[in-house]
Protein backbone atom coordinates (compact mmCIF):
# COMPACT_ATOMS: atom_id res chain seq x y z
CA UNK A 1 31.36 9.01 -8.95
CA UNK A 2 31.23 8.03 -5.28
CA UNK A 3 28.23 8.12 -2.95
CA UNK A 4 28.95 11.62 -1.70
CA UNK A 5 29.03 12.97 -5.24
CA UNK A 6 25.76 11.24 -6.19
CA UNK A 7 24.07 12.70 -3.12
CA UNK A 8 25.36 16.19 -3.88
CA UNK A 9 24.19 15.94 -7.49
CA UNK A 10 20.75 14.77 -6.37
CA UNK A 11 20.39 17.69 -3.95
CA UNK A 12 21.49 20.10 -6.66
CA UNK A 13 18.93 19.03 -9.25
CA UNK A 14 16.06 17.19 -7.51
CA UNK A 15 13.36 19.15 -5.69
CA UNK A 16 13.88 18.69 -1.97
CA UNK A 17 10.66 16.99 -0.86
CA UNK A 18 12.35 14.07 0.93
CA UNK A 19 14.83 14.08 3.81
CA UNK A 20 16.82 11.19 2.41
CA UNK A 21 19.13 8.95 4.40
CA UNK A 22 22.80 9.28 3.34
CA UNK A 23 22.86 6.04 1.36
CA UNK A 24 22.97 5.58 -2.42
CA UNK A 25 21.33 2.24 -3.20
CA UNK A 26 22.59 0.73 -6.41
CA UNK A 27 21.53 -2.91 -6.75
CA UNK A 28 19.63 -5.68 -5.01
CA UNK A 29 19.71 -9.45 -4.62
CA UNK A 30 17.08 -11.43 -2.74
CA UNK A 31 16.30 -9.54 0.46
CA UNK A 32 19.51 -7.48 0.40
CA UNK A 33 20.33 -4.12 -1.16
CA UNK A 34 23.84 -2.91 -2.01
CA UNK A 35 24.94 0.72 -1.94
CA UNK A 36 27.29 2.50 -4.32
CA UNK A 37 30.20 1.79 -1.96
CA UNK A 38 29.55 -1.97 -1.93
CA UNK A 39 27.86 -2.25 1.50
CA UNK A 40 25.02 -4.77 1.83
CA UNK A 41 21.79 -3.94 3.71
CA UNK A 42 19.17 -6.39 4.94
CA UNK A 43 15.95 -4.86 3.66
CA UNK A 44 12.88 -5.03 5.91
CA UNK A 45 11.26 -2.08 4.14
CA UNK A 46 10.93 -3.46 0.58
CA UNK A 47 10.70 0.01 -0.92
CA UNK A 48 7.77 0.70 1.44
CA UNK A 49 6.00 -2.64 0.95
CA UNK A 50 6.63 -2.78 -2.79
CA UNK A 51 9.21 -5.44 -3.65
CA UNK A 52 7.28 -8.50 -2.51
CA UNK A 53 9.25 -10.97 -4.65
CA UNK A 54 12.66 -9.78 -3.52
CA UNK A 55 15.35 -8.31 -5.72
CA UNK A 56 16.76 -9.95 -8.81
CA UNK A 57 13.91 -12.41 -9.38
CA UNK A 58 15.06 -13.84 -12.69
CA UNK A 59 11.63 -14.87 -14.02
CA UNK A 60 10.18 -11.43 -13.22
CA UNK A 61 13.12 -9.61 -14.79
CA UNK A 62 13.01 -11.77 -17.91
CA UNK A 63 9.30 -11.10 -18.39
CA UNK A 64 9.92 -7.34 -18.30
CA UNK A 65 12.88 -7.57 -20.66
CA UNK A 66 10.82 -9.56 -23.13
CA UNK A 67 8.01 -7.00 -22.99
CA UNK A 68 10.46 -4.12 -23.51
CA UNK A 69 11.61 -5.81 -26.71
CA UNK A 70 8.01 -6.37 -27.84
CA UNK A 71 5.97 -3.27 -26.93
CA UNK A 72 6.34 -0.77 -24.09
CA UNK A 73 3.49 1.61 -24.73
CA UNK A 74 0.49 2.19 -26.90
CA UNK A 75 -2.71 4.15 -26.34
CA UNK A 76 -5.82 3.15 -24.41
CA UNK A 77 -7.63 3.80 -27.70
CA UNK A 78 -6.51 0.26 -28.57
CA UNK A 79 -6.38 -3.14 -26.88
CA UNK A 80 -3.15 -4.78 -25.77
CA UNK A 81 -2.40 -8.34 -24.66
CA UNK A 82 -0.79 -7.74 -21.21
CA UNK A 83 -3.72 -5.49 -20.21
CA UNK A 84 -6.22 -8.28 -20.89
CA UNK A 85 -4.13 -10.84 -19.02
CA UNK A 86 -3.35 -8.66 -15.99
CA UNK A 87 -6.97 -7.53 -15.62
CA UNK A 88 -8.24 -11.12 -15.64
CA UNK A 89 -5.75 -12.18 -12.95
CA UNK A 90 -6.49 -9.22 -10.67
CA UNK A 91 -10.24 -9.71 -10.98
CA UNK A 92 -9.83 -13.42 -10.21
CA UNK A 93 -7.63 -12.78 -7.15
CA UNK A 94 -10.04 -10.19 -5.75
CA UNK A 95 -13.30 -11.85 -6.74
CA UNK A 96 -14.52 -8.50 -8.03
CA UNK A 97 -15.73 -7.47 -11.49
CA UNK A 98 -13.84 -4.72 -13.34
CA UNK A 99 -10.45 -3.03 -13.03
CA UNK A 100 -8.97 0.30 -14.08
CA UNK A 101 -5.16 0.42 -14.10
CA UNK A 102 -3.42 3.57 -12.93
CA UNK A 103 0.22 4.58 -12.48
CA UNK A 104 0.21 4.77 -8.67
CA UNK A 105 -1.80 4.14 -5.55
CA UNK A 106 -2.69 7.81 -5.25
CA UNK A 107 -4.18 7.76 -8.74
CA UNK A 108 -6.17 4.67 -7.77
CA UNK A 109 -7.67 6.60 -4.85
CA UNK A 110 -8.60 9.47 -7.17
CA UNK A 111 -10.37 7.04 -9.48
CA UNK A 112 -12.19 5.36 -6.61
CA UNK A 113 -13.47 8.73 -5.36
CA UNK A 114 -14.71 9.64 -8.83
CA UNK A 115 -16.44 6.28 -9.26
CA UNK A 116 -18.22 6.70 -5.92
CA UNK A 117 -19.36 10.21 -6.74
CA UNK A 118 -20.57 9.22 -10.20
CA UNK A 119 -22.51 6.29 -8.73
CA UNK A 120 -24.26 8.64 -6.31
CA UNK A 121 -24.90 11.23 -9.03
CA UNK A 122 -26.58 8.67 -11.24
CA UNK A 123 -28.83 7.66 -8.33
CA UNK A 124 -30.23 11.07 -7.46
CA UNK A 125 -28.67 13.72 -9.70
CA UNK A 126 -27.14 15.45 -6.70
CA UNK A 127 -23.67 16.96 -6.54
CA UNK A 128 -23.44 17.54 -2.80
CA UNK A 129 -22.56 14.00 -1.71
CA UNK A 130 -20.23 13.31 1.20
CA UNK A 131 -17.46 10.82 1.88
CA UNK A 132 -16.51 9.59 5.34
CA UNK A 133 -12.80 8.95 5.87
CA UNK A 134 -10.74 8.01 8.93
CA UNK A 135 -8.51 10.12 11.14
CA UNK A 136 -4.81 9.15 10.99
CA UNK A 137 -5.38 7.59 7.58
CA UNK A 138 -3.13 8.05 4.56
CA UNK A 139 -4.34 7.79 0.97
CA UNK A 140 -1.92 9.97 -0.99
CA UNK A 141 -0.85 13.56 -1.59
CA UNK A 142 -2.79 14.69 -4.66
CA UNK A 143 -5.72 16.97 -3.91
CA UNK A 144 -8.46 14.34 -3.89
CA UNK A 145 -6.41 11.74 -2.03
CA UNK A 146 -5.16 14.36 0.40
CA UNK A 147 -8.74 15.43 1.07
CA UNK A 148 -9.54 11.97 2.47
CA UNK A 149 -6.21 11.66 4.34
CA UNK A 150 -6.91 12.21 8.02
CA UNK A 151 -3.78 14.15 8.91
CA UNK A 152 -4.09 17.95 9.22
CA UNK A 153 -0.30 18.32 9.06
CA UNK A 154 -0.30 17.12 5.44
CA UNK A 155 -3.38 19.16 4.52
CA UNK A 156 -2.83 22.58 6.08
CA UNK A 157 -0.83 24.35 3.36
CA UNK A 158 -3.04 23.07 0.54
CA UNK A 159 -6.46 24.26 1.66
CA UNK A 160 -9.09 24.51 0.37
CA UNK A 161 -9.20 20.82 -0.46
CA UNK A 162 -12.02 18.81 -2.03
CA UNK A 163 -15.21 19.43 -0.11
CA UNK A 164 -17.74 17.00 1.25
CA UNK A 165 -15.35 14.96 3.39
CA UNK A 166 -16.05 14.08 7.03
CA UNK A 167 -13.70 12.25 9.39
CA UNK A 168 -14.41 9.52 11.92
CA UNK A 169 -12.22 7.52 14.29
CA UNK A 170 -10.76 4.26 13.02
CA UNK A 171 -12.06 1.20 14.90
CA UNK A 172 -14.87 3.28 16.46
CA UNK A 173 -18.14 2.30 14.80
CA UNK A 174 -20.20 4.84 16.76
CA UNK A 175 -17.92 7.59 15.47
CA UNK A 176 -18.60 6.51 11.88
CA UNK A 177 -22.35 6.22 12.44
CA UNK A 178 -22.41 9.77 13.81
CA UNK A 179 -21.13 11.09 10.47
CA UNK A 180 -23.58 9.23 8.23
CA UNK A 181 -26.27 11.35 6.57
CA UNK A 182 -28.53 11.05 3.55
CA UNK A 183 -25.71 12.69 1.57
CA UNK A 184 -23.10 10.03 2.40
CA UNK A 185 -22.05 8.27 -0.79
CA UNK A 186 -18.93 6.38 0.39
CA UNK A 187 -16.87 5.35 3.38
CA UNK A 188 -13.15 4.98 2.70
CA UNK A 189 -10.56 3.35 4.93
CA UNK A 190 -7.41 1.25 4.92
CA UNK A 191 -8.07 -2.33 5.96
CA UNK A 192 -4.82 -2.00 7.91
CA UNK A 193 -3.78 1.59 8.58
CA UNK A 194 -0.16 1.86 7.45
CA UNK A 195 1.35 5.33 7.70
CA UNK A 196 -0.83 6.07 10.72
CA UNK A 197 0.95 3.45 12.82
CA UNK A 198 0.07 -0.13 11.68
CA UNK A 199 -3.48 -0.53 13.00
CA UNK A 200 -5.47 -3.50 11.65
CA UNK A 201 -9.21 -2.95 11.48
CA UNK A 202 -11.16 -4.76 14.18
CA UNK A 203 -13.47 -7.38 12.63
CA UNK A 204 -16.54 -5.92 14.37
CA UNK A 205 -15.66 -2.46 13.09
CA UNK A 206 -15.27 -3.49 9.47
CA UNK A 207 -18.32 -5.72 9.54
CA UNK A 208 -20.32 -2.92 11.15
CA UNK A 209 -19.32 -0.48 8.43
CA UNK A 210 -20.27 -3.01 5.76
CA UNK A 211 -23.71 -3.38 7.36
CA UNK A 212 -24.21 0.41 7.29
CA UNK A 213 -23.16 0.53 3.66
CA UNK A 214 -25.51 -2.25 2.62
CA UNK A 215 -28.43 -0.76 4.53
CA UNK A 216 -28.07 2.72 3.03
CA UNK A 217 -26.50 1.93 -0.37
CA UNK A 218 -23.28 3.65 0.63
CA UNK A 219 -20.17 2.42 -1.18
CA UNK A 220 -17.38 0.84 0.87
CA UNK A 221 -13.94 1.75 -0.48
CA UNK A 222 -11.07 -0.27 0.98
CA UNK A 223 -7.53 0.99 0.45
CA UNK A 224 -5.29 -2.07 0.10
CA UNK A 225 -2.35 -0.20 -1.42
CA UNK A 226 0.05 -1.15 1.36
CA UNK A 227 -1.69 -4.10 3.03
CA UNK A 228 -2.79 -5.87 -0.14
CA UNK A 229 -1.08 -8.32 -2.50
CA UNK A 230 -0.38 -11.06 0.00
CA UNK A 231 1.21 -8.95 2.71
CA UNK A 232 -1.21 -9.91 5.48
CA UNK A 233 -1.53 -13.59 4.56
CA UNK A 234 -4.27 -13.38 1.95
CA UNK A 235 -4.24 -11.72 -1.44
CA UNK A 236 -6.13 -8.82 0.09
CA UNK A 237 -6.52 -8.14 3.80
CA UNK A 238 -10.30 -7.74 3.59
CA UNK A 239 -10.58 -11.38 2.53
CA UNK A 240 -9.78 -12.37 6.14
CA UNK A 241 -12.74 -10.37 7.46
CA UNK A 242 -15.53 -11.72 5.30
CA UNK A 243 -16.18 -8.15 4.19
CA UNK A 244 -16.06 -7.40 0.47
CA UNK A 245 -15.70 -3.79 -0.65
CA UNK A 246 -17.59 -2.11 -3.46
CA UNK A 247 -14.33 -0.55 -4.64
CA UNK A 248 -10.79 -1.58 -3.76
CA UNK A 249 -7.55 0.25 -4.46
CA UNK A 250 -4.19 -1.48 -4.81
CA UNK A 251 -0.65 -0.65 -5.96
CA UNK A 252 2.84 -1.16 -4.47
CA UNK A 253 3.43 -4.96 -4.70
CA UNK A 254 0.94 -5.18 -7.57
CA UNK A 255 3.83 -4.43 -9.93
CA UNK A 256 6.76 -5.20 -7.62
CA UNK A 257 8.67 -2.07 -8.58
CA UNK A 258 7.09 -1.05 -11.87
CA UNK A 259 4.85 1.99 -11.27
CA UNK A 260 1.31 0.67 -11.41
CA UNK A 261 -1.87 0.84 -9.36
CA UNK A 262 -5.50 -0.08 -9.86
CA UNK A 263 -8.98 0.44 -8.57
CA UNK A 264 -11.24 -2.58 -8.78
CA UNK A 265 -15.03 -2.38 -8.73
CA UNK A 266 -17.80 -4.84 -7.99
CA UNK A 267 -20.51 -5.48 -10.55
CA UNK A 268 -22.95 -3.02 -8.99
CA UNK A 269 -20.57 -0.06 -9.17
CA UNK A 270 -18.92 -1.04 -12.45
CA UNK A 271 -22.31 -1.06 -14.13
CA UNK A 272 -23.47 2.29 -12.77
CA UNK A 273 -20.55 4.71 -12.52
CA UNK A 274 -17.73 5.61 -14.89
CA UNK A 275 -18.29 5.53 -18.65
CA UNK A 276 -16.16 6.65 -21.64
CA UNK A 277 -15.16 10.26 -21.14
CA UNK A 278 -15.41 10.16 -17.33
CA UNK A 279 -11.91 8.94 -16.56
CA UNK A 280 -8.72 8.27 -18.47
CA UNK A 281 -4.97 7.90 -18.40
CA UNK A 282 -2.12 8.07 -20.90
CA UNK A 283 0.14 5.52 -19.23
CA UNK A 284 -2.26 3.48 -17.10
CA UNK A 285 -2.67 -0.07 -18.39
CA UNK A 286 0.37 0.18 -20.65
CA UNK A 287 1.88 -3.12 -21.88
CA UNK A 288 5.05 -2.90 -19.77
CA UNK A 289 3.27 -2.23 -16.47
CA UNK A 290 0.63 -4.86 -17.17
CA UNK A 291 3.26 -7.43 -18.12
CA UNK A 292 4.75 -6.81 -14.68
CA UNK A 293 1.36 -7.25 -12.97
CA UNK A 294 0.63 -10.40 -14.93
CA UNK A 295 4.00 -11.94 -14.07
CA UNK A 296 3.64 -11.00 -10.40
CA UNK A 297 0.40 -12.98 -10.19
CA UNK A 298 2.02 -15.93 -11.99
CA UNK A 299 4.95 -15.94 -9.56
CA UNK A 300 2.69 -15.54 -6.54
CA UNK A 301 1.00 -18.78 -7.60
CA UNK A 302 4.16 -20.65 -8.63
CA UNK A 303 6.06 -19.71 -5.47
CA UNK A 304 2.98 -19.95 -3.21
CA UNK A 305 3.74 -16.51 -1.82
CA UNK A 306 0.53 -16.13 0.19
CA UNK A 307 1.05 -19.48 1.91
CA UNK A 308 4.66 -18.55 2.62
CA UNK A 309 3.48 -15.36 4.35
CA UNK A 310 1.09 -17.44 6.43
CA UNK A 311 3.96 -19.74 7.39
CA UNK A 312 6.66 -17.14 8.15
CA UNK A 313 4.57 -14.35 9.75
CA UNK A 314 4.05 -16.14 13.11
CA UNK A 315 7.83 -16.49 13.43
CA UNK A 316 8.36 -12.77 12.81
CA UNK A 317 5.61 -11.97 15.34
CA UNK A 318 7.21 -14.27 17.91
CA UNK A 319 10.64 -12.69 17.52
CA UNK A 320 9.26 -9.16 17.70
CA UNK A 321 7.23 -10.07 20.80
CA UNK A 322 10.42 -11.41 22.42
CA UNK A 323 12.15 -8.14 21.56
CA UNK A 324 9.32 -6.12 23.14
CA UNK A 325 9.67 -8.19 26.30
CA UNK A 326 13.40 -7.59 26.41
CA UNK A 327 13.66 -3.82 25.87
CA UNK A 328 11.95 -1.15 27.97
CA UNK A 329 11.85 1.24 25.00
CA UNK A 330 9.60 -1.17 23.07
CA UNK A 331 6.09 -1.40 24.48
CA UNK A 332 3.80 -3.17 22.03
CA UNK A 333 3.66 -5.09 18.75
CA UNK A 334 0.70 -4.99 16.43
CA UNK A 335 0.06 -5.83 12.82
CA UNK A 336 -1.06 -8.51 10.41
CA UNK A 337 1.10 -10.95 8.46
CA UNK A 338 4.28 -9.32 7.20
CA UNK A 339 3.00 -5.83 8.01
CA UNK A 340 4.14 -5.34 11.59
CA UNK A 341 4.71 -2.38 13.87
CA UNK A 342 6.45 -2.05 17.24
CA UNK A 343 5.62 0.94 19.43
CA UNK A 344 8.67 2.82 20.71
CA UNK A 345 8.56 4.72 24.01
CA UNK A 346 11.15 6.89 25.71
CA UNK A 347 13.28 7.55 22.65
CA UNK A 348 12.64 8.87 19.13
CA UNK A 349 11.73 6.18 16.62
CA UNK A 350 13.74 8.04 13.98
CA UNK A 351 16.87 7.57 16.06
CA UNK A 352 16.40 3.78 16.02
CA UNK A 353 15.79 3.79 12.26
CA UNK A 354 19.07 5.68 11.77
CA UNK A 355 21.02 3.41 14.09
CA UNK A 356 19.57 0.36 12.32
CA UNK A 357 20.83 1.75 9.04
CA UNK A 358 24.29 2.04 10.56
CA UNK A 359 23.99 -1.69 11.27
CA UNK A 360 23.10 -2.24 7.59
CA UNK A 361 19.43 -2.88 8.37
CA UNK A 362 16.61 -1.06 6.60
CA UNK A 363 13.48 -0.60 8.70
CA UNK A 364 10.88 2.16 8.49
CA UNK A 365 8.83 4.28 10.83
CA UNK A 366 5.06 4.79 10.87
CA UNK A 367 3.07 7.40 12.73
CA UNK A 368 5.06 9.22 15.40
CA UNK A 369 6.33 6.29 17.43
CA UNK A 370 6.20 3.01 15.49
CA UNK A 371 8.97 0.91 13.98
CA UNK A 372 7.52 -0.57 10.80
CA UNK A 373 8.51 -3.93 9.31
CA UNK A 374 7.28 -4.61 5.76
CA UNK A 375 9.94 -6.92 4.28
CA UNK A 376 9.88 -8.72 0.93
CA UNK A 377 7.35 -11.53 1.20
CA UNK A 378 10.05 -14.11 0.40
CA UNK A 379 11.96 -13.71 3.68
CA UNK A 380 12.96 -16.86 5.55
CA UNK A 381 13.49 -17.53 9.27
CA UNK A 382 17.23 -16.89 8.96
CA UNK A 383 16.44 -13.42 7.57
CA UNK A 384 14.22 -12.71 10.57
CA UNK A 385 17.00 -13.89 12.92
CA UNK A 386 19.57 -11.69 11.17
CA UNK A 387 17.19 -8.71 11.34
CA UNK A 388 16.78 -9.21 15.08
CA UNK A 389 20.56 -9.39 15.58
CA UNK A 390 21.12 -6.14 13.70
CA UNK A 391 18.20 -4.40 15.37
CA UNK A 392 19.45 -5.37 18.81
CA UNK A 393 22.80 -3.77 18.02
CA UNK A 394 20.90 -0.63 17.01
CA UNK A 395 18.92 -0.68 20.27
CA UNK A 396 22.01 -1.13 22.45
């Protein structure tokens, strides 16, 4: 079958919830993807910030193959070796206390919400607690996650959503304070807003929220699903702010392509929230997914991925800044580490994304007007230079 036939078959049998680009991706090597017709694409999207280690990492692939031959799945009624190993490494990297593995970032958000509500319930027996979330945020599309996603466009058709959610403005501490009441049990936000347009939290904002939470025993939930796992130059973006959450969610690069997420709790919340019977999962924490997580952490250490991000990110920022200075349709760069956005003015961002694809370059959009760059964390300077060359052809 050729690409056209694969696309037609997909449209015939797969529910149409994505407006897909007319490309059938078939294999990957390093920071390049190859389509079914043999064309190579420089990938600065990484499966939406997932494939941190690049494609075809032999050590990663071998670890998964070995686990497939040993044990893919069992039940959470029993212990398994990869679960124990992956949990220890995630707790160590985060400096937190306990982890619950899920199958996605959205599921991690659902678990974090439940943990926060249970913590509040055990404090006062009430069931009318409130959560403060941020406008223009994105936490997922299941009912709970959608309820704390600050985008009415995503929510409208699925009302009524989960109650007890109030919205404040990101990077506006006064806006958050105005929503705090005696019923507030948690404040949830992305350390770097991703889908909303690549907005890093201001240090004063995040530190101010942490102070509110500590004063009133409100739980701080930080969503690190997109910005975590080394992408911003530390294992987790919050580690650069000196602000530690009570609950953290992560996914995407946590498994580098294998579907896995997690919510991680500090000792206070872990000891006074979810207990047997409160939360569960059939697939979460399965041996295959946890073998992936465990190997990802090993390779992050062996290849010094976080340090590499620290080294290469300033070069990407420099080249994007030069691009902004050169083209009138590009007005601003913002971001953190290898999570960068460039604001587009005067022409649709989607048009540039399409033209980049014609130049065999994969970039993404974010918000309504931002070009998003979230490449594999193993990119080198020559990959940045090649990206700029292809993007300039798309901008011409």
